[in-house]
N, C-alpha and C. Protein backbone atom coordinates (compact mmCIF):
# COMPACT_ATOMS: atom_id res chain seq x y z
N MET A 1 -6.45 8.20 3.98
CA MET A 1 -5.62 8.56 2.84
C MET A 1 -4.18 8.10 3.06
N THR A 2 -3.76 7.93 4.33
CA THR A 2 -2.41 7.46 4.62
C THR A 2 -2.19 6.07 4.06
N GLN A 3 -3.21 5.21 4.13
CA GLN A 3 -3.09 3.85 3.62
C GLN A 3 -2.80 3.87 2.11
N ALA A 4 -3.31 4.85 1.40
CA ALA A 4 -3.11 4.92 -0.05
C ALA A 4 -1.64 5.14 -0.40
N LEU A 5 -0.83 5.64 0.52
CA LEU A 5 0.57 5.90 0.24
C LEU A 5 1.48 4.74 0.63
N GLU A 6 0.90 3.66 1.16
CA GLU A 6 1.68 2.50 1.55
C GLU A 6 1.54 1.41 0.49
N GLU A 7 2.56 0.57 0.38
CA GLU A 7 2.50 -0.56 -0.54
C GLU A 7 1.56 -1.61 0.03
N HIS A 8 0.73 -2.18 -0.85
CA HIS A 8 -0.20 -3.21 -0.41
C HIS A 8 -0.41 -4.22 -1.53
N THR A 9 -0.46 -5.50 -1.16
CA THR A 9 -0.70 -6.56 -2.14
C THR A 9 -2.10 -7.11 -1.96
N TYR A 10 -2.84 -7.21 -3.07
CA TYR A 10 -4.19 -7.75 -3.07
C TYR A 10 -4.16 -9.14 -3.68
N LEU A 11 -4.74 -10.10 -2.99
CA LEU A 11 -4.78 -11.48 -3.47
C LEU A 11 -6.14 -11.76 -4.08
N PRO A 12 -6.17 -12.59 -5.13
CA PRO A 12 -7.48 -12.92 -5.71
C PRO A 12 -8.28 -13.79 -4.74
N ASP A 13 -9.57 -13.56 -4.68
CA ASP A 13 -10.47 -14.36 -3.85
C ASP A 13 -10.87 -15.58 -4.67
N PRO A 14 -10.49 -16.79 -4.24
CA PRO A 14 -10.77 -17.99 -5.05
C PRO A 14 -12.25 -18.16 -5.38
N GLY A 15 -13.13 -17.71 -4.51
CA GLY A 15 -14.56 -17.89 -4.76
C GLY A 15 -15.20 -16.75 -5.53
N GLU A 16 -14.49 -15.67 -5.75
CA GLU A 16 -15.07 -14.47 -6.38
C GLU A 16 -14.65 -14.35 -7.83
N HIS A 17 -15.22 -15.18 -8.69
CA HIS A 17 -14.91 -15.09 -10.12
C HIS A 17 -16.04 -14.42 -10.90
N THR A 18 -17.25 -14.49 -10.40
CA THR A 18 -18.37 -13.93 -11.16
C THR A 18 -18.31 -12.42 -11.20
N GLY A 19 -17.99 -11.78 -10.08
CA GLY A 19 -17.92 -10.32 -10.06
C GLY A 19 -16.84 -9.80 -10.99
N LEU A 20 -15.67 -10.42 -10.97
CA LEU A 20 -14.58 -10.01 -11.86
C LEU A 20 -14.93 -10.29 -13.31
N ALA A 21 -15.56 -11.43 -13.56
CA ALA A 21 -15.96 -11.77 -14.93
C ALA A 21 -16.95 -10.74 -15.47
N ASP A 22 -17.87 -10.28 -14.62
CA ASP A 22 -18.83 -9.26 -15.03
C ASP A 22 -18.12 -7.97 -15.41
N VAL A 23 -17.13 -7.58 -14.61
CA VAL A 23 -16.38 -6.35 -14.90
C VAL A 23 -15.62 -6.49 -16.21
N VAL A 24 -14.92 -7.61 -16.39
CA VAL A 24 -14.14 -7.83 -17.61
C VAL A 24 -15.04 -7.84 -18.84
N SER A 25 -16.16 -8.55 -18.76
CA SER A 25 -17.05 -8.60 -19.93
C SER A 25 -17.65 -7.23 -20.23
N PHE A 26 -17.96 -6.45 -19.19
CA PHE A 26 -18.47 -5.10 -19.37
C PHE A 26 -17.45 -4.24 -20.11
N LEU A 27 -16.20 -4.28 -19.65
CA LEU A 27 -15.15 -3.47 -20.28
C LEU A 27 -14.88 -3.93 -21.71
N ASP A 28 -14.83 -5.24 -21.92
CA ASP A 28 -14.61 -5.76 -23.27
C ASP A 28 -15.73 -5.34 -24.22
N ALA A 29 -16.98 -5.44 -23.75
CA ALA A 29 -18.12 -5.08 -24.59
C ALA A 29 -18.04 -3.62 -25.00
N HIS A 30 -17.67 -2.74 -24.06
CA HIS A 30 -17.57 -1.31 -24.39
C HIS A 30 -16.42 -1.03 -25.34
N GLU A 31 -15.31 -1.73 -25.17
CA GLU A 31 -14.19 -1.52 -26.09
C GLU A 31 -14.54 -2.00 -27.49
N ARG A 32 -15.24 -3.13 -27.60
CA ARG A 32 -15.64 -3.63 -28.92
C ARG A 32 -16.66 -2.69 -29.56
N ARG A 33 -17.58 -2.18 -28.76
CA ARG A 33 -18.65 -1.34 -29.30
C ARG A 33 -18.11 0.02 -29.76
N PHE A 34 -17.23 0.62 -28.96
CA PHE A 34 -16.75 1.95 -29.29
C PHE A 34 -15.42 1.94 -30.04
N GLY A 35 -14.58 0.95 -29.78
CA GLY A 35 -13.27 0.89 -30.43
C GLY A 35 -12.51 2.18 -30.20
N ASP A 36 -11.87 2.66 -31.24
CA ASP A 36 -11.09 3.90 -31.15
C ASP A 36 -11.89 5.11 -31.59
N ARG A 37 -13.13 4.90 -32.04
CA ARG A 37 -13.92 6.00 -32.58
C ARG A 37 -14.31 7.01 -31.51
N VAL A 38 -14.78 6.50 -30.38
CA VAL A 38 -15.26 7.39 -29.32
C VAL A 38 -14.62 6.96 -28.01
N GLU A 39 -14.20 7.92 -27.24
CA GLU A 39 -13.64 7.63 -25.92
C GLU A 39 -14.80 7.40 -24.95
N PRO A 40 -15.00 6.16 -24.49
CA PRO A 40 -16.12 5.92 -23.57
C PRO A 40 -15.84 6.58 -22.22
N ARG A 41 -16.90 6.92 -21.54
CA ARG A 41 -16.78 7.52 -20.21
C ARG A 41 -17.13 6.46 -19.17
N TYR A 42 -16.37 6.43 -18.11
CA TYR A 42 -16.65 5.53 -17.00
C TYR A 42 -16.83 6.39 -15.77
N LEU A 43 -17.77 5.99 -14.92
CA LEU A 43 -18.12 6.79 -13.75
C LEU A 43 -18.09 5.94 -12.49
N LEU A 44 -17.71 6.56 -11.39
CA LEU A 44 -17.91 5.97 -10.07
C LEU A 44 -19.24 6.52 -9.58
N VAL A 45 -20.09 5.63 -9.13
CA VAL A 45 -21.43 6.04 -8.73
C VAL A 45 -21.59 5.85 -7.23
N GLY A 46 -22.11 6.89 -6.55
CA GLY A 46 -22.35 6.82 -5.11
C GLY A 46 -23.74 6.28 -4.81
N ALA A 47 -24.07 6.24 -3.53
CA ALA A 47 -25.35 5.68 -3.09
C ALA A 47 -26.52 6.62 -3.39
N GLY A 48 -26.26 7.91 -3.34
CA GLY A 48 -27.34 8.87 -3.57
C GLY A 48 -27.56 9.15 -5.04
N GLU A 49 -28.76 9.66 -5.33
CA GLU A 49 -29.10 9.96 -6.72
C GLU A 49 -28.22 11.11 -7.21
N GLY A 50 -27.64 10.94 -8.37
CA GLY A 50 -26.80 11.99 -8.95
C GLY A 50 -25.38 12.00 -8.41
N GLU A 51 -25.04 11.11 -7.49
CA GLU A 51 -23.68 11.07 -6.96
C GLU A 51 -22.81 10.26 -7.92
N GLN A 52 -22.02 10.95 -8.70
CA GLN A 52 -21.12 10.28 -9.62
C GLN A 52 -19.95 11.18 -9.94
N VAL A 53 -18.85 10.53 -10.29
CA VAL A 53 -17.65 11.26 -10.66
C VAL A 53 -17.00 10.49 -11.82
N PRO A 54 -16.53 11.21 -12.85
CA PRO A 54 -15.88 10.52 -13.97
C PRO A 54 -14.55 9.88 -13.53
N VAL A 55 -14.25 8.73 -14.09
CA VAL A 55 -12.98 8.04 -13.82
C VAL A 55 -11.97 8.49 -14.88
N PRO A 56 -10.85 9.09 -14.46
CA PRO A 56 -9.84 9.53 -15.43
C PRO A 56 -9.27 8.33 -16.22
N PRO A 57 -8.83 8.55 -17.46
CA PRO A 57 -8.32 7.45 -18.29
C PRO A 57 -7.20 6.64 -17.63
N GLU A 58 -6.28 7.31 -16.91
CA GLU A 58 -5.18 6.57 -16.28
C GLU A 58 -5.69 5.66 -15.16
N VAL A 59 -6.72 6.10 -14.43
CA VAL A 59 -7.30 5.26 -13.38
C VAL A 59 -8.06 4.09 -14.03
N HIS A 60 -8.74 4.36 -15.13
CA HIS A 60 -9.45 3.31 -15.86
C HIS A 60 -8.47 2.23 -16.33
N ALA A 61 -7.31 2.64 -16.86
CA ALA A 61 -6.31 1.69 -17.32
C ALA A 61 -5.78 0.84 -16.16
N ILE A 62 -5.58 1.47 -15.02
CA ILE A 62 -5.11 0.75 -13.83
C ILE A 62 -6.14 -0.28 -13.40
N LEU A 63 -7.40 0.13 -13.36
CA LEU A 63 -8.46 -0.78 -12.95
C LEU A 63 -8.56 -1.98 -13.89
N LYS A 64 -8.45 -1.74 -15.19
CA LYS A 64 -8.49 -2.84 -16.16
C LYS A 64 -7.37 -3.83 -15.91
N GLN A 65 -6.19 -3.31 -15.66
CA GLN A 65 -5.04 -4.19 -15.43
C GLN A 65 -5.21 -4.98 -14.14
N VAL A 66 -5.70 -4.34 -13.08
CA VAL A 66 -5.90 -5.01 -11.80
C VAL A 66 -6.95 -6.11 -11.94
N VAL A 67 -8.07 -5.79 -12.57
CA VAL A 67 -9.15 -6.77 -12.72
C VAL A 67 -8.68 -7.95 -13.56
N SER A 68 -7.95 -7.70 -14.63
CA SER A 68 -7.45 -8.79 -15.47
C SER A 68 -6.51 -9.70 -14.69
N ALA A 69 -5.62 -9.10 -13.90
CA ALA A 69 -4.67 -9.89 -13.12
C ALA A 69 -5.39 -10.72 -12.06
N LEU A 70 -6.32 -10.10 -11.35
CA LEU A 70 -7.07 -10.83 -10.32
C LEU A 70 -7.88 -11.97 -10.93
N GLN A 71 -8.49 -11.72 -12.08
CA GLN A 71 -9.27 -12.76 -12.74
C GLN A 71 -8.38 -13.92 -13.18
N ALA A 72 -7.13 -13.64 -13.53
CA ALA A 72 -6.18 -14.68 -13.93
C ALA A 72 -5.59 -15.40 -12.72
N GLY A 73 -6.04 -15.03 -11.52
CA GLY A 73 -5.56 -15.69 -10.31
C GLY A 73 -4.24 -15.15 -9.79
N ARG A 74 -3.87 -13.97 -10.24
CA ARG A 74 -2.61 -13.37 -9.80
C ARG A 74 -2.84 -12.35 -8.71
N ALA A 75 -1.84 -12.16 -7.87
CA ALA A 75 -1.88 -11.12 -6.85
C ALA A 75 -1.46 -9.80 -7.51
N VAL A 76 -1.94 -8.70 -6.95
CA VAL A 76 -1.61 -7.38 -7.47
C VAL A 76 -1.05 -6.54 -6.33
N THR A 77 0.11 -5.94 -6.57
CA THR A 77 0.72 -5.08 -5.57
C THR A 77 0.64 -3.64 -6.05
N VAL A 78 0.12 -2.78 -5.21
CA VAL A 78 0.08 -1.35 -5.50
C VAL A 78 1.19 -0.74 -4.64
N ALA A 79 2.15 -0.13 -5.31
CA ALA A 79 3.32 0.43 -4.62
C ALA A 79 3.55 1.86 -5.09
N PRO A 80 2.98 2.83 -4.38
CA PRO A 80 3.20 4.23 -4.77
C PRO A 80 4.68 4.58 -4.73
N ARG A 81 5.13 5.36 -5.69
CA ARG A 81 6.53 5.76 -5.77
C ARG A 81 6.61 7.28 -5.94
N MET A 82 7.71 7.80 -5.48
CA MET A 82 7.98 9.22 -5.70
C MET A 82 8.34 9.39 -7.18
N THR A 83 8.13 10.58 -7.72
CA THR A 83 8.48 10.80 -9.11
C THR A 83 9.95 11.18 -9.27
N LYS A 84 10.62 11.52 -8.18
CA LYS A 84 12.07 11.75 -8.17
C LYS A 84 12.70 10.65 -7.34
N LEU A 85 13.72 9.98 -7.90
CA LEU A 85 14.34 8.85 -7.24
C LEU A 85 15.80 9.13 -6.92
N THR A 86 16.28 8.52 -5.85
CA THR A 86 17.72 8.53 -5.58
C THR A 86 18.35 7.47 -6.47
N THR A 87 19.67 7.46 -6.53
CA THR A 87 20.34 6.45 -7.34
C THR A 87 20.07 5.05 -6.77
N GLN A 88 19.95 4.92 -5.46
CA GLN A 88 19.66 3.62 -4.87
C GLN A 88 18.25 3.15 -5.21
N GLN A 89 17.28 4.06 -5.17
CA GLN A 89 15.90 3.70 -5.53
C GLN A 89 15.82 3.29 -7.01
N ALA A 90 16.54 4.01 -7.87
CA ALA A 90 16.57 3.65 -9.29
C ALA A 90 17.22 2.28 -9.48
N ALA A 91 18.29 2.03 -8.75
CA ALA A 91 18.98 0.74 -8.84
C ALA A 91 18.04 -0.39 -8.41
N ASP A 92 17.31 -0.19 -7.32
CA ASP A 92 16.37 -1.20 -6.84
C ASP A 92 15.28 -1.46 -7.88
N LEU A 93 14.78 -0.41 -8.50
CA LEU A 93 13.73 -0.54 -9.51
C LEU A 93 14.24 -1.30 -10.74
N LEU A 94 15.47 -1.01 -11.14
CA LEU A 94 16.05 -1.63 -12.33
C LEU A 94 16.65 -3.01 -12.05
N GLY A 95 16.87 -3.32 -10.76
CA GLY A 95 17.47 -4.60 -10.42
C GLY A 95 18.97 -4.64 -10.70
N VAL A 96 19.62 -3.48 -10.53
CA VAL A 96 21.06 -3.39 -10.72
C VAL A 96 21.67 -2.74 -9.49
N SER A 97 22.98 -2.63 -9.46
CA SER A 97 23.65 -2.00 -8.32
C SER A 97 23.63 -0.47 -8.47
N ARG A 98 23.83 0.22 -7.35
CA ARG A 98 23.89 1.68 -7.38
C ARG A 98 25.07 2.17 -8.23
N PRO A 99 26.27 1.52 -8.13
CA PRO A 99 27.36 1.95 -9.02
C PRO A 99 27.01 1.81 -10.51
N THR A 100 26.20 0.82 -10.85
CA THR A 100 25.78 0.67 -12.25
C THR A 100 24.93 1.86 -12.66
N VAL A 101 24.02 2.29 -11.80
CA VAL A 101 23.19 3.46 -12.10
C VAL A 101 24.08 4.69 -12.24
N LYS A 102 25.06 4.85 -11.37
CA LYS A 102 25.98 5.99 -11.47
C LYS A 102 26.72 5.96 -12.81
N ARG A 103 27.15 4.76 -13.25
CA ARG A 103 27.85 4.63 -14.53
C ARG A 103 26.91 5.00 -15.68
N LEU A 104 25.65 4.55 -15.60
CA LEU A 104 24.67 4.87 -16.65
C LEU A 104 24.43 6.38 -16.73
N ILE A 105 24.47 7.04 -15.59
CA ILE A 105 24.32 8.51 -15.56
C ILE A 105 25.56 9.15 -16.21
N THR A 106 26.73 8.66 -15.84
CA THR A 106 27.98 9.22 -16.34
C THR A 106 28.10 9.10 -17.86
N VAL A 107 27.70 7.95 -18.42
CA VAL A 107 27.81 7.76 -19.87
C VAL A 107 26.62 8.34 -20.63
N GLY A 108 25.63 8.88 -19.90
CA GLY A 108 24.51 9.56 -20.55
C GLY A 108 23.34 8.67 -20.93
N GLU A 109 23.32 7.43 -20.47
CA GLU A 109 22.19 6.55 -20.79
C GLU A 109 20.99 6.82 -19.90
N LEU A 110 21.23 7.36 -18.73
CA LEU A 110 20.15 7.72 -17.80
C LEU A 110 20.30 9.19 -17.44
N PRO A 111 19.32 10.02 -17.81
CA PRO A 111 19.42 11.44 -17.42
C PRO A 111 19.19 11.59 -15.92
N ALA A 112 19.91 12.52 -15.32
CA ALA A 112 19.78 12.77 -13.89
C ALA A 112 20.08 14.23 -13.61
N GLU A 113 19.50 14.70 -12.53
CA GLU A 113 19.73 16.07 -12.08
C GLU A 113 20.65 15.99 -10.86
N LYS A 114 21.65 16.83 -10.83
CA LYS A 114 22.57 16.82 -9.70
C LYS A 114 22.14 17.90 -8.72
N ILE A 115 21.85 17.46 -7.51
CA ILE A 115 21.46 18.38 -6.44
C ILE A 115 22.54 18.28 -5.37
N GLY A 116 23.38 19.30 -5.30
CA GLY A 116 24.53 19.24 -4.40
C GLY A 116 25.49 18.19 -4.90
N THR A 117 25.73 17.18 -4.07
CA THR A 117 26.63 16.10 -4.47
C THR A 117 25.87 14.84 -4.87
N ARG A 118 24.55 14.92 -4.86
CA ARG A 118 23.73 13.73 -5.12
C ARG A 118 22.94 13.87 -6.42
N HIS A 119 22.68 12.73 -7.04
CA HIS A 119 21.88 12.70 -8.25
C HIS A 119 20.43 12.34 -7.93
N ARG A 120 19.52 12.95 -8.67
CA ARG A 120 18.10 12.58 -8.60
C ARG A 120 17.66 12.25 -10.01
N LEU A 121 16.88 11.19 -10.13
CA LEU A 121 16.41 10.73 -11.42
C LEU A 121 14.90 10.83 -11.46
N VAL A 122 14.38 11.16 -12.63
CA VAL A 122 12.93 11.23 -12.82
C VAL A 122 12.43 9.80 -13.08
N LEU A 123 11.39 9.40 -12.38
CA LEU A 123 10.85 8.05 -12.50
C LEU A 123 10.56 7.69 -13.96
N ARG A 124 9.97 8.60 -14.72
CA ARG A 124 9.63 8.34 -16.13
C ARG A 124 10.89 7.99 -16.92
N ASP A 125 12.01 8.69 -16.66
CA ASP A 125 13.26 8.41 -17.36
C ASP A 125 13.77 7.01 -17.02
N VAL A 126 13.65 6.62 -15.77
CA VAL A 126 14.11 5.29 -15.34
C VAL A 126 13.24 4.21 -15.99
N LEU A 127 11.92 4.42 -16.01
CA LEU A 127 11.02 3.44 -16.63
C LEU A 127 11.25 3.36 -18.14
N ASP A 128 11.51 4.50 -18.78
CA ASP A 128 11.81 4.50 -20.22
C ASP A 128 13.09 3.73 -20.49
N TYR A 129 14.12 3.95 -19.67
CA TYR A 129 15.38 3.21 -19.82
C TYR A 129 15.13 1.71 -19.66
N GLN A 130 14.32 1.34 -18.68
CA GLN A 130 14.01 -0.06 -18.44
C GLN A 130 13.35 -0.69 -19.67
N GLN A 131 12.42 0.03 -20.29
CA GLN A 131 11.75 -0.47 -21.50
C GLN A 131 12.73 -0.60 -22.67
N ARG A 132 13.59 0.42 -22.85
CA ARG A 132 14.58 0.36 -23.93
C ARG A 132 15.53 -0.82 -23.73
N ARG A 133 15.97 -1.01 -22.51
CA ARG A 133 16.89 -2.11 -22.18
C ARG A 133 16.23 -3.46 -22.44
N ARG A 134 14.96 -3.58 -22.03
CA ARG A 134 14.23 -4.83 -22.25
C ARG A 134 14.09 -5.10 -23.75
N ALA A 135 13.80 -4.06 -24.54
CA ALA A 135 13.67 -4.22 -25.99
C ALA A 135 15.01 -4.66 -26.59
N GLN A 136 16.12 -4.08 -26.11
CA GLN A 136 17.45 -4.48 -26.59
C GLN A 136 17.72 -5.95 -26.25
N GLN A 137 17.34 -6.36 -25.05
CA GLN A 137 17.57 -7.75 -24.64
C GLN A 137 16.77 -8.71 -25.52
N TYR A 138 15.52 -8.38 -25.80
CA TYR A 138 14.72 -9.23 -26.68
C TYR A 138 15.31 -9.29 -28.08
N GLU A 139 15.79 -8.15 -28.56
CA GLU A 139 16.41 -8.11 -29.88
C GLU A 139 17.65 -9.00 -29.92
N GLU A 140 18.47 -8.94 -28.88
CA GLU A 140 19.65 -9.80 -28.80
C GLU A 140 19.26 -11.27 -28.78
N LEU A 141 18.19 -11.60 -28.05
CA LEU A 141 17.72 -13.00 -28.03
C LEU A 141 17.32 -13.46 -29.43
N VAL A 142 16.61 -12.61 -30.14
CA VAL A 142 16.19 -12.96 -31.50
C VAL A 142 17.41 -13.11 -32.40
N ASN A 143 18.37 -12.22 -32.26
CA ASN A 143 19.57 -12.27 -33.11
C ASN A 143 20.43 -13.49 -32.83
N THR A 144 20.36 -14.03 -31.64
CA THR A 144 21.21 -15.17 -31.30
C THR A 144 20.44 -16.49 -31.29
N SER A 145 19.19 -16.48 -31.72
CA SER A 145 18.42 -17.72 -31.71
C SER A 145 18.82 -18.61 -32.88
N VAL A 146 18.64 -19.89 -32.67
CA VAL A 146 18.98 -20.88 -33.69
C VAL A 146 17.75 -21.75 -33.89
N ALA A 147 17.32 -21.90 -35.15
CA ALA A 147 16.16 -22.75 -35.44
C ALA A 147 16.56 -24.22 -35.32
N LEU A 148 15.70 -25.00 -34.69
CA LEU A 148 15.98 -26.42 -34.48
C LEU A 148 14.95 -27.29 -35.18
N ASP A 149 15.43 -28.36 -35.79
CA ASP A 149 14.58 -29.40 -36.36
C ASP A 149 14.95 -30.71 -35.67
N ASP A 150 14.07 -31.67 -35.75
CA ASP A 150 14.35 -32.98 -35.16
C ASP A 150 15.54 -33.65 -35.83
N GLU A 151 15.79 -33.34 -37.09
CA GLU A 151 16.87 -33.99 -37.82
C GLU A 151 18.22 -33.29 -37.63
N ASP A 152 18.23 -32.12 -36.97
CA ASP A 152 19.48 -31.38 -36.80
C ASP A 152 20.47 -32.15 -35.92
N ASP A 153 21.73 -31.99 -36.27
CA ASP A 153 22.81 -32.62 -35.52
C ASP A 153 23.09 -31.78 -34.27
N PRO A 154 23.02 -32.37 -33.07
CA PRO A 154 23.26 -31.60 -31.83
C PRO A 154 24.64 -30.93 -31.81
N GLU A 155 25.62 -31.57 -32.37
CA GLU A 155 26.97 -31.00 -32.41
C GLU A 155 27.00 -29.73 -33.26
N LYS A 156 26.29 -29.76 -34.38
CA LYS A 156 26.22 -28.59 -35.27
C LYS A 156 25.50 -27.44 -34.57
N ILE A 157 24.42 -27.77 -33.85
CA ILE A 157 23.68 -26.75 -33.10
C ILE A 157 24.57 -26.12 -32.03
N ALA A 158 25.34 -26.95 -31.34
CA ALA A 158 26.26 -26.44 -30.30
C ALA A 158 27.27 -25.48 -30.91
N GLN A 159 27.79 -25.80 -32.10
CA GLN A 159 28.75 -24.92 -32.77
C GLN A 159 28.10 -23.59 -33.17
N GLN A 160 26.85 -23.68 -33.69
CA GLN A 160 26.14 -22.45 -34.07
C GLN A 160 25.88 -21.57 -32.84
N SER A 161 25.51 -22.19 -31.73
CA SER A 161 25.26 -21.43 -30.50
C SER A 161 26.53 -20.76 -30.01
N LYS A 162 27.65 -21.49 -30.07
CA LYS A 162 28.93 -20.93 -29.65
C LYS A 162 29.31 -19.73 -30.52
N ALA A 163 29.10 -19.86 -31.82
CA ALA A 163 29.40 -18.76 -32.74
C ALA A 163 28.52 -17.55 -32.46
N ALA A 164 27.26 -17.79 -32.16
CA ALA A 164 26.33 -16.69 -31.85
C ALA A 164 26.75 -15.99 -30.57
N ARG A 165 27.14 -16.74 -29.54
CA ARG A 165 27.59 -16.13 -28.29
C ARG A 165 28.84 -15.28 -28.51
N LYS A 166 29.77 -15.79 -29.34
CA LYS A 166 30.98 -15.02 -29.64
C LYS A 166 30.64 -13.71 -30.35
N ALA A 167 29.69 -13.77 -31.28
CA ALA A 167 29.29 -12.56 -32.02
C ALA A 167 28.68 -11.53 -31.07
N VAL A 168 27.85 -11.98 -30.15
CA VAL A 168 27.24 -11.06 -29.18
C VAL A 168 28.32 -10.45 -28.29
N ALA A 169 29.26 -11.27 -27.83
CA ALA A 169 30.34 -10.76 -26.98
C ALA A 169 31.17 -9.72 -27.73
N ALA A 170 31.41 -9.96 -29.00
CA ALA A 170 32.18 -9.00 -29.80
C ALA A 170 31.42 -7.69 -29.93
N ARG A 171 30.10 -7.75 -30.15
CA ARG A 171 29.29 -6.53 -30.24
C ARG A 171 29.33 -5.76 -28.93
N ARG A 172 29.26 -6.48 -27.82
CA ARG A 172 29.31 -5.81 -26.51
C ARG A 172 30.65 -5.10 -26.32
N ARG A 173 31.74 -5.79 -26.67
CA ARG A 173 33.06 -5.18 -26.52
C ARG A 173 33.16 -3.93 -27.38
N THR A 174 32.65 -3.99 -28.61
CA THR A 174 32.70 -2.84 -29.52
C THR A 174 31.92 -1.68 -28.94
N ARG A 175 30.73 -1.96 -28.40
CA ARG A 175 29.92 -0.89 -27.79
C ARG A 175 30.63 -0.30 -26.57
N ALA A 176 31.24 -1.15 -25.75
CA ALA A 176 31.95 -0.68 -24.55
C ALA A 176 33.13 0.19 -24.92
N GLU A 177 33.83 -0.16 -26.00
CA GLU A 177 34.99 0.62 -26.43
C GLU A 177 34.57 1.99 -26.96
N ARG A 178 33.39 2.07 -27.58
CA ARG A 178 32.89 3.35 -28.11
C ARG A 178 32.53 4.31 -26.99
N ARG A 179 32.17 3.78 -25.83
CA ARG A 179 31.78 4.65 -24.70
C ARG A 179 33.00 5.29 -24.16
């Protein structure tokens, strides 16, 4: 059980595509057959007769994701995390500095509990913030995109891009001033 608490990366076996394909096709067939009407049950089956245990939905979702990634030739890393994080752990997860996490806590963008002189963050809150931030970034990309045609003048496109960057910078300054 100690191994289960350590981070481990699983690499796809180049020769093992049939087993993964069987699992993927089995899962796909059940999803198509049942859809959203009925929640299918999945079981782990032991060697002895009657030895089985139901697979919880969250474990089923994890297995589907792992099998899909391995079948696509990708490595999968399982990294257990605590549900309460320090500011440094949250910063590492978000890919930002610890002072940035402290600022996000101060302005109220990231909820945190203060224990003594230190902050603790709930993993779910950090992951939710990460998703919100990613959605904002995608929205900004869409807002600043410029449609291109083969007949477009490169100079005109450069001017439009410059104007879009200025507009985004102005929005950022306005948001920063409101904080």
